[in-house]
Amino acid sequence: MSTTSISELKSGLSEYLNRAAYGQERIIVASRGKPKAAVISIEDLRRFEELEDALAAHEALEAYEAGETTPWEEVKAELAEGAGDVPD
């Protein structure tokens, strides 16, 4: 993993994008020496999103098993109050 400044990124954007996309390099973009963002490949982004989905599913299952859920009828009633008719 490498770090670059915003000004370096601006002047060499194509190079940095190719390094991330084809070289599988993760590049940290810093502003005034502090990390602000990252340039990653689309494959890394997809893996990250899959991990987020898996974590959310795991947390939802834990909430369900702990009885921390809201009955569908209650949710439907709340939605109906704010958005009009809700399909069954």
PDB file of N, CA and C in Angstrom:
ATOM      1  N   MET A   1       0.857  -1.169   0.000  1.00  0.00           N
ATOM      2  CA  MET A   1       0.000   0.000   0.000  1.00  0.00           C
ATOM      3  C   MET A   1       0.900   1.228   0.000  1.00  0.00           C
ATOM      4  N   SER A   2       0.528   2.185  -0.830  1.00  0.00           N
ATOM      5  CA  SER A   2       1.322   3.403  -0.907  1.00  0.00           C
ATOM      6  C   SER A   2       0.452   4.612  -0.567  1.00  0.00           C
ATOM      7  N   THR A   3       1.105   5.716  -0.325  1.00  0.00           N
ATOM      8  CA  THR A   3       0.406   6.961   0.003  1.00  0.00           C
ATOM      9  C   THR A   3       0.832   8.039  -0.976  1.00  0.00           C
ATOM     10  N   THR A   4      -0.131   8.855  -1.365  1.00  0.00           N
ATOM     11  CA  THR A   4       0.154   9.973  -2.252  1.00  0.00           C
ATOM     12  C   THR A   4      -0.637  11.187  -1.791  1.00  0.00           C
ATOM     13  N   SER A   5      -0.191  12.349  -2.195  1.00  0.00           N
ATOM     14  CA  SER A   5      -0.911  13.573  -1.857  1.00  0.00           C
ATOM     15  C   SER A   5      -1.986  13.831  -2.909  1.00  0.00           C
ATOM     16  N   ILE A   6      -2.889  14.708  -2.584  1.00  0.00           N
ATOM     17  CA  ILE A   6      -3.943  15.066  -3.527  1.00  0.00           C
ATOM     18  C   ILE A   6      -3.340  15.686  -4.783  1.00  0.00           C
ATOM     19  N   SER A   7      -2.345  16.549  -4.625  1.00  0.00           N
ATOM     20  CA  SER A   7      -1.744  17.186  -5.803  1.00  0.00           C
ATOM     21  C   SER A   7      -1.037  16.160  -6.692  1.00  0.00           C
ATOM     22  N   GLU A   8      -0.358  15.162  -6.078  1.00  0.00           N
ATOM     23  CA  GLU A   8       0.270  14.112  -6.873  1.00  0.00           C
ATOM     24  C   GLU A   8      -0.787  13.276  -7.591  1.00  0.00           C
ATOM     25  N   LEU A   9      -1.895  13.023  -6.901  1.00  0.00           N
ATOM     26  CA  LEU A   9      -2.983  12.259  -7.514  1.00  0.00           C
ATOM     27  C   LEU A   9      -3.557  13.005  -8.708  1.00  0.00           C
ATOM     28  N   LYS A  10      -3.764  14.301  -8.552  1.00  0.00           N
ATOM     29  CA  LYS A  10      -4.295  15.107  -9.656  1.00  0.00           C
ATOM     30  C   LYS A  10      -3.397  15.052 -10.883  1.00  0.00           C
ATOM     31  N   SER A  11      -2.119  15.170 -10.668  1.00  0.00           N
ATOM     32  CA  SER A  11      -1.208  15.217 -11.821  1.00  0.00           C
ATOM     33  C   SER A  11      -0.982  13.845 -12.454  1.00  0.00           C
ATOM     34  N   GLY A  12      -1.231  12.787 -11.712  1.00  0.00           N
ATOM     35  CA  GLY A  12      -1.004  11.456 -12.258  1.00  0.00           C
ATOM     36  C   GLY A  12      -2.196  10.535 -12.090  1.00  0.00           C
ATOM     37  N   LEU A  13      -3.396  11.088 -12.219  1.00  0.00           N
ATOM     38  CA  LEU A  13      -4.612  10.328 -11.948  1.00  0.00           C
ATOM     39  C   LEU A  13      -4.672   9.027 -12.749  1.00  0.00           C
ATOM     40  N   SER A  14      -4.403   9.088 -14.029  1.00  0.00           N
ATOM     41  CA  SER A  14      -4.472   7.898 -14.867  1.00  0.00           C
ATOM     42  C   SER A  14      -3.522   6.810 -14.361  1.00  0.00           C
ATOM     43  N   GLU A  15      -2.324   7.195 -13.998  1.00  0.00           N
ATOM     44  CA  GLU A  15      -1.343   6.234 -13.477  1.00  0.00           C
ATOM     45  C   GLU A  15      -1.843   5.588 -12.191  1.00  0.00           C
ATOM     46  N   TYR A  16      -2.354   6.388 -11.268  1.00  0.00           N
ATOM     47  CA  TYR A  16      -2.827   5.850  -9.992  1.00  0.00           C
ATOM     48  C   TYR A  16      -4.031   4.933 -10.183  1.00  0.00           C
ATOM     49  N   LEU A  17      -4.934   5.318 -11.084  1.00  0.00           N
ATOM     50  CA  LEU A  17      -6.091   4.464 -11.353  1.00  0.00           C
ATOM     51  C   LEU A  17      -5.661   3.128 -11.938  1.00  0.00           C
ATOM     52  N   ASN A  18      -4.704   3.155 -12.858  1.00  0.00           N
ATOM     53  CA  ASN A  18      -4.206   1.912 -13.444  1.00  0.00           C
ATOM     54  C   ASN A  18      -3.495   1.056 -12.407  1.00  0.00           C
ATOM     55  N   ARG A  19      -2.735   1.688 -11.522  1.00  0.00           N
ATOM     56  CA  ARG A  19      -2.054   0.931 -10.466  1.00  0.00           C
ATOM     57  C   ARG A  19      -3.061   0.221  -9.573  1.00  0.00           C
ATOM     58  N   ALA A  20      -4.163   0.890  -9.284  1.00  0.00           N
ATOM     59  CA  ALA A  20      -5.197   0.274  -8.452  1.00  0.00           C
ATOM     60  C   ALA A  20      -5.958  -0.799  -9.234  1.00  0.00           C
ATOM     61  N   ALA A  21      -6.338  -0.485 -10.460  1.00  0.00           N
ATOM     62  CA  ALA A  21      -7.166  -1.392 -11.248  1.00  0.00           C
ATOM     63  C   ALA A  21      -6.411  -2.629 -11.711  1.00  0.00           C
ATOM     64  N   TYR A  22      -5.206  -2.446 -12.204  1.00  0.00           N
ATOM     65  CA  TYR A  22      -4.481  -3.561 -12.814  1.00  0.00           C
ATOM     66  C   TYR A  22      -3.349  -4.095 -11.949  1.00  0.00           C
ATOM     67  N   GLY A  23      -2.797  -3.266 -11.104  1.00  0.00           N
ATOM     68  CA  GLY A  23      -1.709  -3.695 -10.243  1.00  0.00           C
ATOM     69  C   GLY A  23      -2.178  -4.137  -8.877  1.00  0.00           C
ATOM     70  N   GLN A  24      -3.512  -4.077  -8.670  1.00  0.00           N
ATOM     71  CA  GLN A  24      -4.104  -4.453  -7.392  1.00  0.00           C
ATOM     72  C   GLN A  24      -3.458  -3.714  -6.219  1.00  0.00           C
ATOM     73  N   GLU A  25      -3.062  -2.472  -6.456  1.00  0.00           N
ATOM     74  CA  GLU A  25      -2.450  -1.659  -5.411  1.00  0.00           C
ATOM     75  C   GLU A  25      -3.519  -0.808  -4.744  1.00  0.00           C
ATOM     76  N   ARG A  26      -3.438  -0.681  -3.445  1.00  0.00           N
ATOM     77  CA  ARG A  26      -4.335   0.195  -2.695  1.00  0.00           C
ATOM     78  C   ARG A  26      -3.552   1.454  -2.362  1.00  0.00           C
ATOM     79  N   ILE A  27      -4.110   2.588  -2.741  1.00  0.00           N
ATOM     80  CA  ILE A  27      -3.383   3.853  -2.620  1.00  0.00           C
ATOM     81  C   ILE A  27      -4.142   4.773  -1.674  1.00  0.00           C
ATOM     82  N   ILE A  28      -3.465   5.205  -0.632  1.00  0.00           N
ATOM     83  CA  ILE A  28      -4.039   6.147   0.321  1.00  0.00           C
ATOM     84  C   ILE A  28      -3.775   7.556  -0.192  1.00  0.00           C
ATOM     85  N   VAL A  29      -4.807   8.382  -0.181  1.00  0.00           N
ATOM     86  CA  VAL A  29      -4.679   9.774  -0.610  1.00  0.00           C
ATOM     87  C   VAL A  29      -4.690  10.633   0.649  1.00  0.00           C
ATOM     88  N   ALA A  30      -3.639  11.423   0.812  1.00  0.00           N
ATOM     89  CA  ALA A  30      -3.490  12.240   2.011  1.00  0.00           C
ATOM     90  C   ALA A  30      -3.625  13.725   1.687  1.00  0.00           C
ATOM     91  N   SER A  31      -4.143  14.453   2.640  1.00  0.00           N
ATOM     92  CA  SER A  31      -4.243  15.900   2.543  1.00  0.00           C
ATOM     93  C   SER A  31      -3.546  16.480   3.767  1.00  0.00           C
ATOM     94  N   ARG A  32      -2.531  17.280   3.525  1.00  0.00           N
ATOM     95  CA  ARG A  32      -1.722  17.854   4.615  1.00  0.00           C
ATOM     96  C   ARG A  32      -1.171  16.761   5.533  1.00  0.00           C
ATOM     97  N   GLY A  33      -0.793  15.656   4.907  1.00  0.00           N
ATOM     98  CA  GLY A  33      -0.187  14.562   5.642  1.00  0.00           C
ATOM     99  C   GLY A  33      -1.143  13.625   6.356  1.00  0.00           C
ATOM    100  N   LYS A  34      -2.446  13.907   6.272  1.00  0.00           N
ATOM    101  CA  LYS A  34      -3.429  13.068   6.943  1.00  0.00           C
ATOM    102  C   LYS A  34      -4.211  12.262   5.907  1.00  0.00           C
ATOM    103  N   PRO A  35      -4.371  10.958   6.126  1.00  0.00           N
ATOM    104  CA  PRO A  35      -5.150  10.132   5.188  1.00  0.00           C
ATOM    105  C   PRO A  35      -6.588  10.627   5.077  1.00  0.00           C
ATOM    106  N   LYS A  36      -7.063  10.762   3.831  1.00  0.00           N
ATOM    107  CA  LYS A  36      -8.416  11.268   3.593  1.00  0.00           C
ATOM    108  C   LYS A  36      -9.277  10.286   2.824  1.00  0.00           C
ATOM    109  N   ALA A  37      -8.675   9.512   1.923  1.00  0.00           N
ATOM    110  CA  ALA A  37      -9.442   8.612   1.062  1.00  0.00           C
ATOM    111  C   ALA A  37      -8.504   7.535   0.537  1.00  0.00           C
ATOM    112  N   ALA A  38      -9.066   6.641  -0.265  1.00  0.00           N
ATOM    113  CA  ALA A  38      -8.251   5.589  -0.856  1.00  0.00           C
ATOM    114  C   ALA A  38      -8.706   5.327  -2.279  1.00  0.00           C
ATOM    115  N   VAL A  39      -7.764   4.923  -3.111  1.00  0.00           N
ATOM    116  CA  VAL A  39      -8.060   4.483  -4.464  1.00  0.00           C
ATOM    117  C   VAL A  39      -7.853   2.979  -4.456  1.00  0.00           C
ATOM    118  N   ILE A  40      -8.937   2.243  -4.774  1.00  0.00           N
ATOM    119  CA  ILE A  40      -8.874   0.787  -4.770  1.00  0.00           C
ATOM    120  C   ILE A  40      -9.483   0.256  -6.064  1.00  0.00           C
ATOM    121  N   SER A  41      -9.217  -0.993  -6.371  1.00  0.00           N
ATOM    122  CA  SER A  41      -9.793  -1.600  -7.573  1.00  0.00           C
ATOM    123  C   SER A  41     -11.279  -1.850  -7.366  1.00  0.00           C
ATOM    124  N   ILE A  42     -11.983  -2.031  -8.467  1.00  0.00           N
ATOM    125  CA  ILE A  42     -13.412  -2.337  -8.386  1.00  0.00           C
ATOM    126  C   ILE A  42     -13.623  -3.692  -7.721  1.00  0.00           C
ATOM    127  N   GLU A  43     -12.679  -4.620  -7.903  1.00  0.00           N
ATOM    128  CA  GLU A  43     -12.778  -5.922  -7.247  1.00  0.00           C
ATOM    129  C   GLU A  43     -12.695  -5.767  -5.729  1.00  0.00           C
ATOM    130  N   ASP A  44     -11.780  -4.910  -5.255  1.00  0.00           N
ATOM    131  CA  ASP A  44     -11.683  -4.655  -3.815  1.00  0.00           C
ATOM    132  C   ASP A  44     -12.972  -4.027  -3.292  1.00  0.00           C
ATOM    133  N   LEU A  45     -13.545  -3.110  -4.045  1.00  0.00           N
ATOM    134  CA  LEU A  45     -14.790  -2.472  -3.634  1.00  0.00           C
ATOM    135  C   LEU A  45     -15.903  -3.508  -3.515  1.00  0.00           C
ATOM    136  N   ARG A  46     -16.001  -4.390  -4.494  1.00  0.00           N
ATOM    137  CA  ARG A  46     -17.044  -5.424  -4.453  1.00  0.00           C
ATOM    138  C   ARG A  46     -16.859  -6.348  -3.257  1.00  0.00           C
ATOM    139  N   ARG A  47     -15.604  -6.733  -2.973  1.00  0.00           N
ATOM    140  CA  ARG A  47     -15.344  -7.580  -1.804  1.00  0.00           C
ATOM    141  C   ARG A  47     -15.742  -6.856  -0.516  1.00  0.00           C
ATOM    142  N   PHE A  48     -15.414  -5.567  -0.448  1.00  0.00           N
ATOM    143  CA  PHE A  48     -15.763  -4.764   0.722  1.00  0.00           C
ATOM    144  C   PHE A  48     -17.283  -4.717   0.905  1.00  0.00           C
ATOM    145  N   GLU A  49     -18.008  -4.506  -0.184  1.00  0.00           N
ATOM    146  CA  GLU A  49     -19.463  -4.444  -0.101  1.00  0.00           C
ATOM    147  C   GLU A  49     -20.052  -5.794   0.309  1.00  0.00           C
ATOM    148  N   GLU A  50     -19.467  -6.897  -0.185  1.00  0.00           N
ATOM    149  CA  GLU A  50     -19.928  -8.226   0.223  1.00  0.00           C
ATOM    150  C   GLU A  50     -19.700  -8.440   1.717  1.00  0.00           C
ATOM    151  N   LEU A  51     -18.562  -7.981   2.212  1.00  0.00           N
ATOM    152  CA  LEU A  51     -18.292  -8.096   3.648  1.00  0.00           C
ATOM    153  C   LEU A  51     -19.289  -7.278   4.463  1.00  0.00           C
ATOM    154  N   GLU A  52     -19.607  -6.085   3.978  1.00  0.00           N
ATOM    155  CA  GLU A  52     -20.603  -5.255   4.675  1.00  0.00           C
ATOM    156  C   GLU A  52     -21.951  -5.962   4.725  1.00  0.00           C
ATOM    157  N   ASP A  53     -22.364  -6.558   3.593  1.00  0.00           N
ATOM    158  CA  ASP A  53     -23.639  -7.267   3.538  1.00  0.00           C
ATOM    159  C   ASP A  53     -23.640  -8.461   4.498  1.00  0.00           C
ATOM    160  N   ALA A  54     -22.524  -9.202   4.521  1.00  0.00           N
ATOM    161  CA  ALA A  54     -22.430 -10.361   5.400  1.00  0.00           C
ATOM    162  C   ALA A  54     -22.496  -9.931   6.865  1.00  0.00           C
ATOM    163  N   LEU A  55     -21.832  -8.841   7.199  1.00  0.00           N
ATOM    164  CA  LEU A  55     -21.865  -8.336   8.571  1.00  0.00           C
ATOM    165  C   LEU A  55     -23.277  -7.889   8.950  1.00  0.00           C
ATOM    166  N   ALA A  56     -23.958  -7.196   8.051  1.00  0.00           N
ATOM    167  CA  ALA A  56     -25.326  -6.751   8.328  1.00  0.00           C
ATOM    168  C   ALA A  56     -26.251  -7.951   8.525  1.00  0.00           C
ATOM    169  N   ALA A  57     -26.087  -8.998   7.715  1.00  0.00           N
ATOM    170  CA  ALA A  57     -26.910 -10.198   7.864  1.00  0.00           C
ATOM    171  C   ALA A  57     -26.632 -10.871   9.200  1.00  0.00           C
ATOM    172  N   HIS A  58     -25.372 -10.936   9.581  1.00  0.00           N
ATOM    173  CA  HIS A  58     -24.994 -11.539  10.861  1.00  0.00           C
ATOM    174  C   HIS A  58     -25.596 -10.750  12.023  1.00  0.00           C
ATOM    175  N   GLU A  59     -25.522  -9.431  11.951  1.00  0.00           N
ATOM    176  CA  GLU A  59     -26.088  -8.593  13.010  1.00  0.00           C
ATOM    177  C   GLU A  59     -27.603  -8.739  13.071  1.00  0.00           C
ATOM    178  N   ALA A  60     -28.253  -8.850  11.910  1.00  0.00           N
ATOM    179  CA  ALA A  60     -29.711  -9.029  11.884  1.00  0.00           C
ATOM    180  C   ALA A  60     -30.094 -10.368  12.497  1.00  0.00           C
ATOM    181  N   LEU A  61     -29.332 -11.409  12.206  1.00  0.00           N
ATOM    182  CA  LEU A  61     -29.610 -12.723  12.793  1.00  0.00           C
ATOM    183  C   LEU A  61     -29.438 -12.693  14.303  1.00  0.00           C
ATOM    184  N   GLU A  62     -28.390 -12.024  14.774  1.00  0.00           N
ATOM    185  CA  GLU A  62     -28.188 -11.898  16.223  1.00  0.00           C
ATOM    186  C   GLU A  62     -29.355 -11.160  16.875  1.00  0.00           C
ATOM    187  N   ALA A  63     -29.822 -10.089  16.228  1.00  0.00           N
ATOM    188  CA  ALA A  63     -30.949  -9.330  16.761  1.00  0.00           C
ATOM    189  C   ALA A  63     -32.204 -10.194  16.792  1.00  0.00           C
ATOM    190  N   TYR A  64     -32.412 -10.974  15.748  1.00  0.00           N
ATOM    191  CA  TYR A  64     -33.576 -11.860  15.692  1.00  0.00           C
ATOM    192  C   TYR A  64     -33.514 -12.895  16.809  1.00  0.00           C
ATOM    193  N   GLU A  65     -32.344 -13.514  16.967  1.00  0.00           N
ATOM    194  CA  GLU A  65     -32.186 -14.539  17.998  1.00  0.00           C
ATOM    195  C   GLU A  65     -32.329 -13.965  19.410  1.00  0.00           C
ATOM    196  N   ALA A  66     -32.011 -12.689  19.580  1.00  0.00           N
ATOM    197  CA  ALA A  66     -32.136 -12.041  20.886  1.00  0.00           C
ATOM    198  C   ALA A  66     -33.539 -11.468  21.104  1.00  0.00           C
ATOM    199  N   GLY A  67     -34.414 -11.642  20.109  1.00  0.00           N
ATOM    200  CA  GLY A  67     -35.773 -11.135  20.232  1.00  0.00           C
ATOM    201  C   GLY A  67     -35.879  -9.638  20.029  1.00  0.00           C
ATOM    202  N   GLU A  68     -34.888  -9.054  19.379  1.00  0.00           N
ATOM    203  CA  GLU A  68     -34.867  -7.604  19.174  1.00  0.00           C
ATOM    204  C   GLU A  68     -35.411  -7.235  17.796  1.00  0.00           C
ATOM    205  N   THR A  69     -36.555  -7.795  17.465  1.00  0.00           N
ATOM    206  CA  THR A  69     -37.146  -7.506  16.165  1.00  0.00           C
ATOM    207  C   THR A  69     -38.490  -6.822  16.347  1.00  0.00           C
ATOM    208  N   THR A  70     -39.001  -6.244  15.290  1.00  0.00           N
ATOM    209  CA  THR A  70     -40.294  -5.578  15.310  1.00  0.00           C
ATOM    210  C   THR A  70     -41.254  -6.388  14.445  1.00  0.00           C
ATOM    211  N   PRO A  71     -42.424  -6.712  14.958  1.00  0.00           N
ATOM    212  CA  PRO A  71     -43.392  -7.481  14.167  1.00  0.00           C
ATOM    213  C   PRO A  71     -43.762  -6.750  12.875  1.00  0.00           C
ATOM    214  N   TRP A  72     -43.980  -7.516  11.803  1.00  0.00           N
ATOM    215  CA  TRP A  72     -44.287  -6.947  10.485  1.00  0.00           C
ATOM    216  C   TRP A  72     -45.517  -6.047  10.544  1.00  0.00           C
ATOM    217  N   GLU A  73     -46.536  -6.424  11.266  1.00  0.00           N
ATOM    218  CA  GLU A  73     -47.749  -5.610  11.341  1.00  0.00           C
ATOM    219  C   GLU A  73     -47.445  -4.225  11.906  1.00  0.00           C
ATOM    220  N   GLU A  74     -46.561  -4.155  12.872  1.00  0.00           N
ATOM    221  CA  GLU A  74     -46.180  -2.862  13.454  1.00  0.00           C
ATOM    222  C   GLU A  74     -45.393  -2.019  12.453  1.00  0.00           C
ATOM    223  N   VAL A  75     -44.482  -2.657  11.754  1.00  0.00           N
ATOM    224  CA  VAL A  75     -43.699  -1.945  10.736  1.00  0.00           C
ATOM    225  C   VAL A  75     -44.616  -1.434   9.641  1.00  0.00           C
ATOM    226  N   LYS A  76     -45.531  -2.299   9.190  1.00  0.00           N
ATOM    227  CA  LYS A  76     -46.459  -1.918   8.126  1.00  0.00           C
ATOM    228  C   LYS A  76     -47.317  -0.737   8.557  1.00  0.00           C
ATOM    229  N   ALA A  77     -47.775  -0.737   9.804  1.00  0.00           N
ATOM    230  CA  ALA A  77     -48.598   0.372  10.314  1.00  0.00           C
ATOM    231  C   ALA A  77     -47.800   1.679  10.336  1.00  0.00           C
ATOM    232  N   GLU A  78     -46.535   1.592  10.774  1.00  0.00           N
ATOM    233  CA  GLU A  78     -45.687   2.793  10.793  1.00  0.00           C
ATOM    234  C   GLU A  78     -45.445   3.326   9.388  1.00  0.00           C
ATOM    235  N   LEU A  79     -45.215   2.433   8.444  1.00  0.00           N
ATOM    236  CA  LEU A  79     -45.010   2.863   7.063  1.00  0.00           C
ATOM    237  C   LEU A  79     -46.274   3.489   6.482  1.00  0.00           C
ATOM    238  N   ALA A  80     -47.414   2.904   6.808  1.00  0.00           N
ATOM    239  CA  ALA A  80     -48.677   3.420   6.302  1.00  0.00           C
ATOM    240  C   ALA A  80     -48.952   4.832   6.810  1.00  0.00           C
ATOM    241  N   GLU A  81     -48.535   5.098   8.036  1.00  0.00           N
ATOM    242  CA  GLU A  81     -48.734   6.451   8.598  1.00  0.00           C
ATOM    243  C   GLU A  81     -47.944   7.490   7.826  1.00  0.00           C
ATOM    244  N   GLY A  82     -46.750   7.123   7.389  1.00  0.00           N
ATOM    245  CA  GLY A  82     -45.883   8.107   6.747  1.00  0.00           C
ATOM    246  C   GLY A  82     -45.912   8.095   5.239  1.00  0.00           C
ATOM    247  N   ALA A  83     -46.356   6.997   4.619  1.00  0.00           N
ATOM    248  CA  ALA A  83     -46.226   6.905   3.155  1.00  0.00           C
ATOM    249  C   ALA A  83     -47.516   6.514   2.458  1.00  0.00           C
ATOM    250  N   GLY A  84     -48.623   6.566   3.113  1.00  0.00           N
ATOM    251  CA  GLY A  84     -49.866   6.171   2.450  1.00  0.00           C
ATOM    252  C   GLY A  84     -50.037   4.670   2.479  1.00  0.00           C
ATOM    253  N   ASP A  85     -50.677   4.143   1.450  1.00  0.00           N
ATOM    254  CA  ASP A  85     -50.960   2.694   1.422  1.00  0.00           C
ATOM    255  C   ASP A  85     -49.691   1.884   1.208  1.00  0.00           C
ATOM    256  N   VAL A  86     -49.571   0.812   1.957  1.00  0.00           N
ATOM    257  CA  VAL A  86     -48.441  -0.119   1.838  1.00  0.00           C
ATOM    258  C   VAL A  86     -49.009  -1.460   1.412  1.00  0.00           C
ATOM    259  N   PRO A  87     -48.454  -2.087   0.374  1.00  0.00           N
ATOM    260  CA  PRO A  87     -48.978  -3.376  -0.068  1.00  0.00           C
ATOM    261  C   PRO A  87     -48.797  -4.455   1.004  1.00  0.00           C
ATOM    262  N   ASP A  88     -49.703  -5.434   1.005  1.00  0.00           N
ATOM    263  CA  ASP A  88     -49.633  -6.546   1.975  1.00  0.00           C
ATOM    264  C   ASP A  88     -48.451  -7.418   1.741  1.00  0.00           C
TER     265      ASP A  88
END
